[in-house]
Amino acid sequence: MNYAEVLGQFGDLRFNVELELGDLTITVRELFDLEEGTVLKTDHPAGVPFTLRAGGAELATAEIVAIGDNLSARVKNLAPKPKSTPGEDGTN
C-alpha cells in the first residue's frame, strides 16, 4: 500500500495526540492533600519545547501558546519520518 492509498483509506481516522508536559512524583499523602490552587511542579525545564506524541511515538516538539482563552501547541520540530523499506511504499 502506498502513501496515497493509506491516506485514501485511513486519512480521516481519528486518534489521540498527547502533549507531554513533564513528570512529577508525589506521595499518597500529598495526593490526598491536593486542594484547588495547588501548584504541581514538573521536571520539565522552563523555555524548553514539549514532546508531542501519538500512540506513544514522538511526532514533534512543540511550544505552548495562548490563543484567546485556550492553550494550544505550536509545532517546532518534526521528528524524522521512518525510512520505508523496498516494496513497502508500492515500489521496488
PDB file of N, CA and C in Angstrom:
ATOM      1  N   MET A   1       0.857  -1.166   0.000  1.00  0.00           N
ATOM      2  CA  MET A   1       0.000   0.000   0.000  1.00  0.00           C
ATOM      3  C   MET A   1       0.906   1.232   0.000  1.00  0.00           C
ATOM      4  N   ASN A   2       0.669   2.152  -0.917  1.00  0.00           N
ATOM      5  CA  ASN A   2       1.495   3.359  -0.965  1.00  0.00           C
ATOM      6  C   ASN A   2       0.863   4.481  -0.135  1.00  0.00           C
ATOM      7  N   TYR A   3       1.574   5.581  -0.057  1.00  0.00           N
ATOM      8  CA  TYR A   3       1.164   6.716   0.782  1.00  0.00           C
ATOM      9  C   TYR A   3      -0.236   7.205   0.409  1.00  0.00           C
ATOM     10  N   ALA A   4      -0.514   7.363  -0.878  1.00  0.00           N
ATOM     11  CA  ALA A   4      -1.817   7.859  -1.326  1.00  0.00           C
ATOM     12  C   ALA A   4      -2.937   6.880  -0.949  1.00  0.00           C
ATOM     13  N   GLU A   5      -2.671   5.589  -1.066  1.00  0.00           N
ATOM     14  CA  GLU A   5      -3.676   4.586  -0.709  1.00  0.00           C
ATOM     15  C   GLU A   5      -3.944   4.602   0.795  1.00  0.00           C
ATOM     16  N   VAL A   6      -2.890   4.747   1.595  1.00  0.00           N
ATOM     17  CA  VAL A   6      -3.059   4.816   3.052  1.00  0.00           C
ATOM     18  C   VAL A   6      -3.897   6.033   3.418  1.00  0.00           C
ATOM     19  N   LEU A   7      -3.568   7.184   2.834  1.00  0.00           N
ATOM     20  CA  LEU A   7      -4.352   8.393   3.119  1.00  0.00           C
ATOM     21  C   LEU A   7      -5.794   8.238   2.651  1.00  0.00           C
ATOM     22  N   GLY A   8      -5.987   7.634   1.498  1.00  0.00           N
ATOM     23  CA  GLY A   8      -7.336   7.426   0.989  1.00  0.00           C
ATOM     24  C   GLY A   8      -8.170   6.540   1.891  1.00  0.00           C
ATOM     25  N   GLN A   9      -7.538   5.531   2.463  1.00  0.00           N
ATOM     26  CA  GLN A   9      -8.268   4.584   3.305  1.00  0.00           C
ATOM     27  C   GLN A   9      -8.366   5.031   4.762  1.00  0.00           C
ATOM     28  N   PHE A  10      -7.308   5.656   5.275  1.00  0.00           N
ATOM     29  CA  PHE A  10      -7.264   5.962   6.714  1.00  0.00           C
ATOM     30  C   PHE A  10      -7.124   7.451   7.025  1.00  0.00           C
ATOM     31  N   GLY A  11      -7.132   8.308   6.033  1.00  0.00           N
ATOM     32  CA  GLY A  11      -6.854   9.730   6.226  1.00  0.00           C
ATOM     33  C   GLY A  11      -7.762  10.438   7.215  1.00  0.00           C
ATOM     34  N   ASP A  12      -8.985   9.980   7.371  1.00  0.00           N
ATOM     35  CA  ASP A  12      -9.921  10.631   8.293  1.00  0.00           C
ATOM     36  C   ASP A  12     -10.042   9.918   9.634  1.00  0.00           C
ATOM     37  N   LEU A  13      -9.218   8.895   9.848  1.00  0.00           N
ATOM     38  CA  LEU A  13      -9.218   8.165  11.109  1.00  0.00           C
ATOM     39  C   LEU A  13      -8.707   9.073  12.221  1.00  0.00           C
ATOM     40  N   ARG A  14      -9.425   9.127  13.332  1.00  0.00           N
ATOM     41  CA  ARG A  14      -9.033   9.990  14.461  1.00  0.00           C
ATOM     42  C   ARG A  14      -8.309   9.191  15.527  1.00  0.00           C
ATOM     43  N   PHE A  15      -7.330   9.816  16.170  1.00  0.00           N
ATOM     44  CA  PHE A  15      -6.632   9.205  17.298  1.00  0.00           C
ATOM     45  C   PHE A  15      -6.113  10.303  18.199  1.00  0.00           C
ATOM     46  N   ASN A  16      -5.829   9.946  19.439  1.00  0.00           N
ATOM     47  CA  ASN A  16      -5.379  10.924  20.424  1.00  0.00           C
ATOM     48  C   ASN A  16      -3.925  11.300  20.211  1.00  0.00           C
ATOM     49  N   VAL A  17      -3.644  12.574  20.380  1.00  0.00           N
ATOM     50  CA  VAL A  17      -2.285  13.098  20.370  1.00  0.00           C
ATOM     51  C   VAL A  17      -2.049  13.663  21.762  1.00  0.00           C
ATOM     52  N   GLU A  18      -0.903  13.342  22.346  1.00  0.00           N
ATOM     53  CA  GLU A  18      -0.587  13.769  23.709  1.00  0.00           C
ATOM     54  C   GLU A  18       0.509  14.820  23.682  1.00  0.00           C
ATOM     55  N   LEU A  19       0.365  15.818  24.521  1.00  0.00           N
ATOM     56  CA  LEU A  19       1.404  16.812  24.729  1.00  0.00           C
ATOM     57  C   LEU A  19       2.007  16.529  26.091  1.00  0.00           C
ATOM     58  N   GLU A  20       3.237  16.040  26.091  1.00  0.00           N
ATOM     59  CA  GLU A  20       3.893  15.596  27.319  1.00  0.00           C
ATOM     60  C   GLU A  20       4.465  16.802  28.060  1.00  0.00           C
ATOM     61  N   LEU A  21       3.822  17.160  29.164  1.00  0.00           N
ATOM     62  CA  LEU A  21       4.204  18.350  29.911  1.00  0.00           C
ATOM     63  C   LEU A  21       5.260  18.087  30.970  1.00  0.00           C
ATOM     64  N   GLY A  22       5.601  16.851  31.195  1.00  0.00           N
ATOM     65  CA  GLY A  22       6.609  16.524  32.202  1.00  0.00           C
ATOM     66  C   GLY A  22       6.067  15.530  33.195  1.00  0.00           C
ATOM     67  N   ASP A  23       6.930  15.086  34.081  1.00  0.00           N
ATOM     68  CA  ASP A  23       6.562  14.113  35.103  1.00  0.00           C
ATOM     69  C   ASP A  23       6.786  14.710  36.481  1.00  0.00           C
ATOM     70  N   LEU A  24       6.078  14.153  37.430  1.00  0.00           N
ATOM     71  CA  LEU A  24       6.313  14.514  38.821  1.00  0.00           C
ATOM     72  C   LEU A  24       5.974  13.325  39.688  1.00  0.00           C
ATOM     73  N   THR A  25       6.544  13.303  40.847  1.00  0.00           N
ATOM     74  CA  THR A  25       6.281  12.234  41.801  1.00  0.00           C
ATOM     75  C   THR A  25       5.800  12.882  43.089  1.00  0.00           C
ATOM     76  N   ILE A  26       4.670  12.378  43.585  1.00  0.00           N
ATOM     77  CA  ILE A  26       4.169  12.859  44.870  1.00  0.00           C
ATOM     78  C   ILE A  26       3.804  11.643  45.723  1.00  0.00           C
ATOM     79  N   THR A  27       3.727  11.872  47.016  1.00  0.00           N
ATOM     80  CA  THR A  27       3.356  10.795  47.923  1.00  0.00           C
ATOM     81  C   THR A  27       1.829  10.646  47.941  1.00  0.00           C
ATOM     82  N   VAL A  28       1.371   9.535  48.481  1.00  0.00           N
ATOM     83  CA  VAL A  28      -0.069   9.323  48.638  1.00  0.00           C
ATOM     84  C   VAL A  28      -0.649  10.429  49.522  1.00  0.00           C
ATOM     85  N   ARG A  29       0.082  10.806  50.574  1.00  0.00           N
ATOM     86  CA  ARG A  29      -0.388  11.878  51.466  1.00  0.00           C
ATOM     87  C   ARG A  29      -0.563  13.178  50.685  1.00  0.00           C
ATOM     88  N   GLU A  30       0.425  13.517  49.839  1.00  0.00           N
ATOM     89  CA  GLU A  30       0.322  14.742  49.036  1.00  0.00           C
ATOM     90  C   GLU A  30      -0.847  14.662  48.057  1.00  0.00           C
ATOM     91  N   LEU A  31      -1.091  13.475  47.528  1.00  0.00           N
ATOM     92  CA  LEU A  31      -2.217  13.276  46.619  1.00  0.00           C
ATOM     93  C   LEU A  31      -3.537  13.564  47.330  1.00  0.00           C
ATOM     94  N   PHE A  32      -3.688  13.049  48.549  1.00  0.00           N
ATOM     95  CA  PHE A  32      -4.927  13.274  49.306  1.00  0.00           C
ATOM     96  C   PHE A  32      -5.031  14.700  49.835  1.00  0.00           C
ATOM     97  N   ASP A  33      -3.900  15.402  49.950  1.00  0.00           N
ATOM     98  CA  ASP A  33      -3.907  16.780  50.432  1.00  0.00           C
ATOM     99  C   ASP A  33      -4.102  17.810  49.320  1.00  0.00           C
ATOM    100  N   LEU A  34      -4.259  17.358  48.071  1.00  0.00           N
ATOM    101  CA  LEU A  34      -4.444  18.300  46.959  1.00  0.00           C
ATOM    102  C   LEU A  34      -5.664  19.180  47.204  1.00  0.00           C
ATOM    103  N   GLU A  35      -5.510  20.446  46.892  1.00  0.00           N
ATOM    104  CA  GLU A  35      -6.607  21.412  47.012  1.00  0.00           C
ATOM    105  C   GLU A  35      -6.640  22.249  45.746  1.00  0.00           C
ATOM    106  N   GLU A  36      -7.761  22.892  45.517  1.00  0.00           N
ATOM    107  CA  GLU A  36      -7.827  23.828  44.396  1.00  0.00           C
ATOM    108  C   GLU A  36      -6.758  24.890  44.590  1.00  0.00           C
ATOM    109  N   GLY A  37      -6.035  25.191  43.539  1.00  0.00           N
ATOM    110  CA  GLY A  37      -4.971  26.185  43.620  1.00  0.00           C
ATOM    111  C   GLY A  37      -3.599  25.591  43.887  1.00  0.00           C
ATOM    112  N   THR A  38      -3.536  24.293  44.242  1.00  0.00           N
ATOM    113  CA  THR A  38      -2.251  23.647  44.455  1.00  0.00           C
ATOM    114  C   THR A  38      -1.468  23.658  43.146  1.00  0.00           C
ATOM    115  N   VAL A  39      -0.210  24.024  43.210  1.00  0.00           N
ATOM    116  CA  VAL A  39       0.664  24.010  42.035  1.00  0.00           C
ATOM    117  C   VAL A  39       1.526  22.761  42.100  1.00  0.00           C
ATOM    118  N   LEU A  40       1.517  21.981  41.033  1.00  0.00           N
ATOM    119  CA  LEU A  40       2.329  20.780  40.954  1.00  0.00           C
ATOM    120  C   LEU A  40       3.508  21.073  40.030  1.00  0.00           C
ATOM    121  N   LYS A  41       4.702  21.008  40.580  1.00  0.00           N
ATOM    122  CA  LYS A  41       5.911  21.311  39.825  1.00  0.00           C
ATOM    123  C   LYS A  41       6.372  20.065  39.073  1.00  0.00           C
ATOM    124  N   THR A  42       6.538  20.195  37.753  1.00  0.00           N
ATOM    125  CA  THR A  42       7.028  19.077  36.955  1.00  0.00           C
ATOM    126  C   THR A  42       8.545  19.163  36.836  1.00  0.00           C
ATOM    127  N   ASP A  43       9.129  18.149  36.205  1.00  0.00           N
ATOM    128  CA  ASP A  43      10.567  18.131  35.982  1.00  0.00           C
ATOM    129  C   ASP A  43      10.955  18.794  34.667  1.00  0.00           C
ATOM    130  N   HIS A  44       9.989  19.407  33.977  1.00  0.00           N
ATOM    131  CA  HIS A  44      10.260  19.997  32.665  1.00  0.00           C
ATOM    132  C   HIS A  44      10.827  21.408  32.815  1.00  0.00           C
ATOM    133  N   PRO A  45      12.023  21.664  32.260  1.00  0.00           N
ATOM    134  CA  PRO A  45      12.617  22.996  32.382  1.00  0.00           C
ATOM    135  C   PRO A  45      11.806  24.051  31.630  1.00  0.00           C
ATOM    136  N   ALA A  46      11.704  25.237  32.201  1.00  0.00           N
ATOM    137  CA  ALA A  46      11.001  26.345  31.555  1.00  0.00           C
ATOM    138  C   ALA A  46      11.723  26.721  30.263  1.00  0.00           C
ATOM    139  N   GLY A  47      10.955  27.051  29.240  1.00  0.00           N
ATOM    140  CA  GLY A  47      11.520  27.502  27.978  1.00  0.00           C
ATOM    141  C   GLY A  47      11.949  26.394  27.030  1.00  0.00           C
ATOM    142  N   VAL A  48      11.865  25.142  27.460  1.00  0.00           N
ATOM    143  CA  VAL A  48      12.249  24.009  26.618  1.00  0.00           C
ATOM    144  C   VAL A  48      10.982  23.455  25.966  1.00  0.00           C
ATOM    145  N   PRO A  49      11.015  23.177  24.644  1.00  0.00           N
ATOM    146  CA  PRO A  49       9.811  22.643  23.987  1.00  0.00           C
ATOM    147  C   PRO A  49       9.340  21.336  24.614  1.00  0.00           C
ATOM    148  N   PHE A  50       8.049  21.081  24.462  1.00  0.00           N
ATOM    149  CA  PHE A  50       7.422  19.868  24.963  1.00  0.00           C
ATOM    150  C   PHE A  50       7.387  18.817  23.860  1.00  0.00           C
ATOM    151  N   THR A  51       7.171  17.564  24.229  1.00  0.00           N
ATOM    152  CA  THR A  51       7.101  16.480  23.258  1.00  0.00           C
ATOM    153  C   THR A  51       5.650  16.217  22.885  1.00  0.00           C
ATOM    154  N   LEU A  52       5.393  16.103  21.595  1.00  0.00           N
ATOM    155  CA  LEU A  52       4.083  15.778  21.061  1.00  0.00           C
ATOM    156  C   LEU A  52       4.130  14.318  20.630  1.00  0.00           C
ATOM    157  N   ARG A  53       3.217  13.481  21.154  1.00  0.00           N
ATOM    158  CA  ARG A  53       3.216  12.040  20.873  1.00  0.00           C
ATOM    159  C   ARG A  53       1.850  11.585  20.360  1.00  0.00           C
ATOM    160  N   ALA A  54       1.890  10.541  19.549  1.00  0.00           N
ATOM    161  CA  ALA A  54       0.666   9.858  19.101  1.00  0.00           C
ATOM    162  C   ALA A  54       0.941   8.367  19.202  1.00  0.00           C
ATOM    163  N   GLY A  55       0.099   7.657  19.913  1.00  0.00           N
ATOM    164  CA  GLY A  55       0.297   6.226  20.089  1.00  0.00           C
ATOM    165  C   GLY A  55       1.628   5.893  20.734  1.00  0.00           C
ATOM    166  N   GLY A  56       2.142   6.798  21.556  1.00  0.00           N
ATOM    167  CA  GLY A  56       3.411   6.593  22.237  1.00  0.00           C
ATOM    168  C   GLY A  56       4.624   6.992  21.420  1.00  0.00           C
ATOM    169  N   ALA A  57       4.451   7.235  20.115  1.00  0.00           N
ATOM    170  CA  ALA A  57       5.575   7.605  19.254  1.00  0.00           C
ATOM    171  C   ALA A  57       5.742   9.119  19.225  1.00  0.00           C
ATOM    172  N   GLU A  58       6.990   9.580  19.289  1.00  0.00           N
ATOM    173  CA  GLU A  58       7.270  11.014  19.238  1.00  0.00           C
ATOM    174  C   GLU A  58       7.026  11.540  17.833  1.00  0.00           C
ATOM    175  N   LEU A  59       6.173  12.575  17.736  1.00  0.00           N
ATOM    176  CA  LEU A  59       5.871  13.202  16.453  1.00  0.00           C
ATOM    177  C   LEU A  59       6.675  14.472  16.237  1.00  0.00           C
ATOM    178  N   ALA A  60       6.819  15.253  17.312  1.00  0.00           N
ATOM    179  CA  ALA A  60       7.424  16.571  17.174  1.00  0.00           C
ATOM    180  C   ALA A  60       7.718  17.150  18.544  1.00  0.00           C
ATOM    181  N   THR A  61       8.388  18.290  18.542  1.00  0.00           N
ATOM    182  CA  THR A  61       8.447  19.115  19.738  1.00  0.00           C
ATOM    183  C   THR A  61       7.534  20.304  19.494  1.00  0.00           C
ATOM    184  N   ALA A  62       6.994  20.840  20.556  1.00  0.00           N
ATOM    185  CA  ALA A  62       6.021  21.921  20.434  1.00  0.00           C
ATOM    186  C   ALA A  62       6.177  22.890  21.598  1.00  0.00           C
ATOM    187  N   GLU A  63       5.698  24.105  21.379  1.00  0.00           N
ATOM    188  CA  GLU A  63       5.670  25.086  22.462  1.00  0.00           C
ATOM    189  C   GLU A  63       4.220  25.447  22.753  1.00  0.00           C
ATOM    190  N   ILE A  64       3.960  25.805  23.982  1.00  0.00           N
ATOM    191  CA  ILE A  64       2.619  26.189  24.400  1.00  0.00           C
ATOM    192  C   ILE A  64       2.395  27.651  24.024  1.00  0.00           C
ATOM    193  N   VAL A  65       1.262  27.934  23.391  1.00  0.00           N
ATOM    194  CA  VAL A  65       0.884  29.297  23.046  1.00  0.00           C
ATOM    195  C   VAL A  65      -0.555  29.531  23.494  1.00  0.00           C
ATOM    196  N   ALA A  66      -0.873  30.751  23.835  1.00  0.00           N
ATOM    197  CA  ALA A  66      -2.238  31.118  24.200  1.00  0.00           C
ATOM    198  C   ALA A  66      -2.903  31.744  22.987  1.00  0.00           C
ATOM    199  N   ILE A  67      -4.073  31.205  22.615  1.00  0.00           N
ATOM    200  CA  ILE A  67      -4.876  31.769  21.540  1.00  0.00           C
ATOM    201  C   ILE A  67      -6.243  32.067  22.141  1.00  0.00           C
ATOM    202  N   GLY A  68      -6.482  33.326  22.374  1.00  0.00           N
ATOM    203  CA  GLY A  68      -7.708  33.722  23.063  1.00  0.00           C
ATOM    204  C   GLY A  68      -7.683  33.157  24.471  1.00  0.00           C
ATOM    205  N   ASP A  69      -8.719  32.422  24.837  1.00  0.00           N
ATOM    206  CA  ASP A  69      -8.814  31.809  26.161  1.00  0.00           C
ATOM    207  C   ASP A  69      -8.327  30.365  26.185  1.00  0.00           C
ATOM    208  N   ASN A  70      -7.717  29.896  25.100  1.00  0.00           N
ATOM    209  CA  ASN A  70      -7.301  28.495  25.007  1.00  0.00           C
ATOM    210  C   ASN A  70      -5.790  28.364  24.938  1.00  0.00           C
ATOM    211  N   LEU A  71      -5.277  27.297  25.561  1.00  0.00           N
ATOM    212  CA  LEU A  71      -3.876  26.941  25.386  1.00  0.00           C
ATOM    213  C   LEU A  71      -3.782  26.026  24.181  1.00  0.00           C
ATOM    214  N   SER A  72      -2.772  26.244  23.365  1.00  0.00           N
ATOM    215  CA  SER A  72      -2.572  25.466  22.153  1.00  0.00           C
ATOM    216  C   SER A  72      -1.109  25.080  22.048  1.00  0.00           C
ATOM    217  N   ALA A  73      -0.792  24.249  21.067  1.00  0.00           N
ATOM    218  CA  ALA A  73       0.588  23.814  20.865  1.00  0.00           C
ATOM    219  C   ALA A  73       1.032  24.211  19.456  1.00  0.00           C
ATOM    220  N   ARG A  74       2.170  24.897  19.368  1.00  0.00           N
ATOM    221  CA  ARG A  74       2.774  25.249  18.080  1.00  0.00           C
ATOM    222  C   ARG A  74       3.892  24.251  17.803  1.00  0.00           C
ATOM    223  N   VAL A  75       3.805  23.538  16.685  1.00  0.00           N
ATOM    224  CA  VAL A  75       4.826  22.555  16.324  1.00  0.00           C
ATOM    225  C   VAL A  75       6.121  23.289  15.993  1.00  0.00           C
ATOM    226  N   LYS A  76       7.197  22.851  16.649  1.00  0.00           N
ATOM    227  CA  LYS A  76       8.514  23.465  16.441  1.00  0.00           C
ATOM    228  C   LYS A  76       9.381  22.621  15.511  1.00  0.00           C
ATOM    229  N   ASN A  77       9.557  21.355  15.837  1.00  0.00           N
ATOM    230  CA  ASN A  77      10.422  20.465  15.065  1.00  0.00           C
ATOM    231  C   ASN A  77       9.745  19.114  14.909  1.00  0.00           C
ATOM    232  N   LEU A  78       9.574  18.676  13.674  1.00  0.00           N
ATOM    233  CA  LEU A  78       9.001  17.351  13.420  1.00  0.00           C
ATOM    234  C   LEU A  78      10.060  16.287  13.607  1.00  0.00           C
ATOM    235  N   ALA A  79       9.667  15.157  14.175  1.00  0.00           N
ATOM    236  CA  ALA A  79      10.581  14.015  14.307  1.00  0.00           C
ATOM    237  C   ALA A  79      10.838  13.453  12.917  1.00  0.00           C
ATOM    238  N   PRO A  80      12.020  12.891  12.694  1.00  0.00           N
ATOM    239  CA  PRO A  80      12.294  12.296  11.377  1.00  0.00           C
ATOM    240  C   PRO A  80      11.307  11.186  11.065  1.00  0.00           C
ATOM    241  N   LYS A  81      10.861  11.168   9.823  1.00  0.00           N
ATOM    242  CA  LYS A  81       9.954  10.101   9.400  1.00  0.00           C
ATOM    243  C   LYS A  81      10.768   8.831   9.183  1.00  0.00           C
ATOM    244  N   PRO A  82      10.204   7.666   9.522  1.00  0.00           N
ATOM    245  CA  PRO A  82      10.944   6.414   9.313  1.00  0.00           C
ATOM    246  C   PRO A  82      11.167   6.182   7.824  1.00  0.00           C
ATOM    247  N   LYS A  83      12.305   5.613   7.505  1.00  0.00           N
ATOM    248  CA  LYS A  83      12.622   5.263   6.110  1.00  0.00           C
ATOM    249  C   LYS A  83      11.803   4.047   5.722  1.00  0.00           C
ATOM    250  N   SER A  84      11.247   4.066   4.508  1.00  0.00           N
ATOM    251  CA  SER A  84      10.495   2.890   4.060  1.00  0.00           C
ATOM    252  C   SER A  84      11.471   1.871   3.489  1.00  0.00           C
ATOM    253  N   THR A  85      11.094   0.626   3.593  1.00  0.00           N
ATOM    254  CA  THR A  85      11.917  -0.452   3.043  1.00  0.00           C
ATOM    255  C   THR A  85      11.457  -0.727   1.617  1.00  0.00           C
ATOM    256  N   PRO A  86      12.301  -1.314   0.768  1.00  0.00           N
ATOM    257  CA  PRO A  86      11.894  -1.599  -0.611  1.00  0.00           C
ATOM    258  C   PRO A  86      10.597  -2.389  -0.643  1.00  0.00           C
ATOM    259  N   GLY A  87       9.665  -1.928  -1.485  1.00  0.00           N
ATOM    260  CA  GLY A  87       8.378  -2.603  -1.622  1.00  0.00           C
ATOM    261  C   GLY A  87       7.331  -2.114  -0.654  1.00  0.00           C
ATOM    262  N   GLU A  88       7.728  -1.485   0.445  1.00  0.00           N
ATOM    263  CA  GLU A  88       6.761  -1.031   1.452  1.00  0.00           C
ATOM    264  C   GLU A  88       5.865   0.063   0.928  1.00  0.00           C
ATOM    265  N   ASP A  89       6.408   0.957   0.090  1.00  0.00           N
ATOM    266  CA  ASP A  89       5.617   2.055  -0.444  1.00  0.00           C
ATOM    267  C   ASP A  89       5.033   1.754  -1.834  1.00  0.00           C
ATOM    268  N   GLY A  90       5.054   0.501  -2.236  1.00  0.00           N
ATOM    269  CA  GLY A  90       4.499   0.107  -3.509  1.00  0.00           C
ATOM    270  C   GLY A  90       5.517   0.095  -4.637  1.00  0.00           C
ATOM    271  N   THR A  91       6.786   0.435  -4.304  1.00  0.00           N
ATOM    272  CA  THR A  91       7.851   0.418  -5.304  1.00  0.00           C
ATOM    273  C   THR A  91       8.868  -0.648  -4.935  1.00  0.00           C
ATOM    274  N   ASN A  92       9.780  -0.935  -5.826  1.00  0.00           N
ATOM    275  CA  ASN A  92      10.855  -1.898  -5.545  1.00  0.00           C
ATOM    276  C   ASN A  92      12.185  -1.225  -5.508  1.00  0.00           C
TER     277      ASN A  92
END
